[in-house]
Protein backbone atom coordinates (compact mmCIF):
# COMPACT_ATOMS: atom_id res chain seq x y z
CA MET A 1 -6.73 -45.84 -4.55
CA PRO A 2 -9.87 -45.16 -2.54
CA LYS A 3 -12.42 -47.95 -2.43
CA LEU A 4 -15.74 -47.16 -4.12
CA GLU A 5 -18.67 -47.55 -1.77
CA SER A 6 -21.48 -47.43 -4.31
CA VAL A 7 -20.81 -48.70 -7.81
CA ARG A 8 -23.12 -47.59 -10.62
CA THR A 9 -23.84 -50.35 -13.11
CA THR A 10 -27.20 -49.57 -14.78
CA ALA A 11 -29.54 -46.60 -14.94
CA GLU A 12 -33.18 -46.11 -15.86
CA ALA A 13 -34.91 -42.92 -17.00
CA ILE A 14 -37.46 -42.12 -14.29
CA GLY A 15 -38.66 -38.65 -15.28
CA ARG A 16 -38.53 -35.72 -17.67
CA ILE A 17 -37.07 -32.32 -16.89
CA THR A 18 -39.34 -29.58 -18.24
CA CYS A 19 -38.63 -25.87 -18.73
CA ILE A 20 -41.01 -23.90 -16.49
CA LYS A 21 -41.06 -20.99 -18.97
CA THR A 22 -41.76 -22.88 -22.21
CA GLY A 23 -43.08 -26.25 -21.06
CA GLU A 24 -40.54 -27.92 -23.37
CA ASP A 25 -38.72 -31.09 -22.30
CA ILE A 26 -35.08 -30.15 -21.66
CA GLY A 27 -33.69 -33.31 -20.10
CA LEU A 28 -34.21 -36.58 -18.31
CA LEU A 29 -33.76 -37.77 -14.74
CA TYR A 30 -32.06 -41.15 -14.33
CA GLN A 31 -31.93 -43.44 -11.31
CA TRP A 32 -28.97 -45.75 -10.89
CA ASP A 33 -29.26 -49.25 -9.48
CA ASN A 34 -27.54 -48.04 -6.30
CA GLY A 35 -30.35 -45.51 -5.70
CA GLU A 36 -28.48 -42.38 -6.80
CA THR A 37 -30.13 -40.02 -9.29
CA GLN A 38 -28.57 -38.02 -12.12
CA ALA A 39 -29.98 -35.27 -14.31
CA ALA A 40 -29.03 -35.17 -18.00
CA LEU A 41 -29.85 -32.15 -20.16
CA PHE A 42 -30.38 -32.53 -23.89
CA GLY A 43 -27.38 -31.70 -26.12
CA SER A 44 -28.19 -28.25 -27.55
CA LEU A 45 -28.75 -26.85 -24.07
CA LEU A 46 -25.23 -27.82 -23.13
CA THR A 47 -23.61 -26.49 -26.32
CA GLY A 48 -25.70 -23.32 -26.62
CA GLN A 49 -27.00 -24.14 -30.11
CA GLU A 50 -30.27 -22.53 -31.07
CA GLY A 51 -32.77 -23.01 -33.87
CA THR A 52 -32.64 -26.79 -33.96
CA THR A 53 -35.71 -28.97 -34.02
CA SER A 54 -36.71 -30.63 -30.77
CA SER A 55 -35.65 -34.05 -32.07
CA LYS A 56 -32.13 -32.73 -32.66
CA LYS A 57 -32.01 -31.24 -29.17
CA ARG A 58 -31.98 -34.67 -27.62
CA SER A 59 -28.54 -36.02 -26.96
CA LYS A 60 -27.60 -39.62 -26.43
CA ILE A 61 -27.66 -41.04 -22.93
CA PRO A 62 -24.80 -39.51 -20.90
CA ALA A 63 -21.55 -41.39 -21.47
CA ASP A 64 -21.28 -42.81 -17.96
CA ILE A 65 -24.82 -44.16 -18.15
CA ALA A 66 -24.43 -45.57 -21.68
CA GLN A 67 -21.19 -47.36 -20.79
CA ASN A 68 -22.87 -49.10 -17.89
CA GLN A 69 -25.88 -50.25 -19.91
CA ARG A 70 -23.77 -52.47 -22.17
């Protein structure tokens, strides 16, 4: 197995991703403790659902981030 050079253990939300057409928040930008960044879009944008309220559009923290925050 290849050796991992940069292990991700914890992440922190460092910014919001905003739609330039609507001004609506569509995701979050996370920074890992190893310096890498990761964008995470809210749930309904990934599944294509429409007509939900903005509070329902927000998904949980991406699985790989949530696992490492425990």
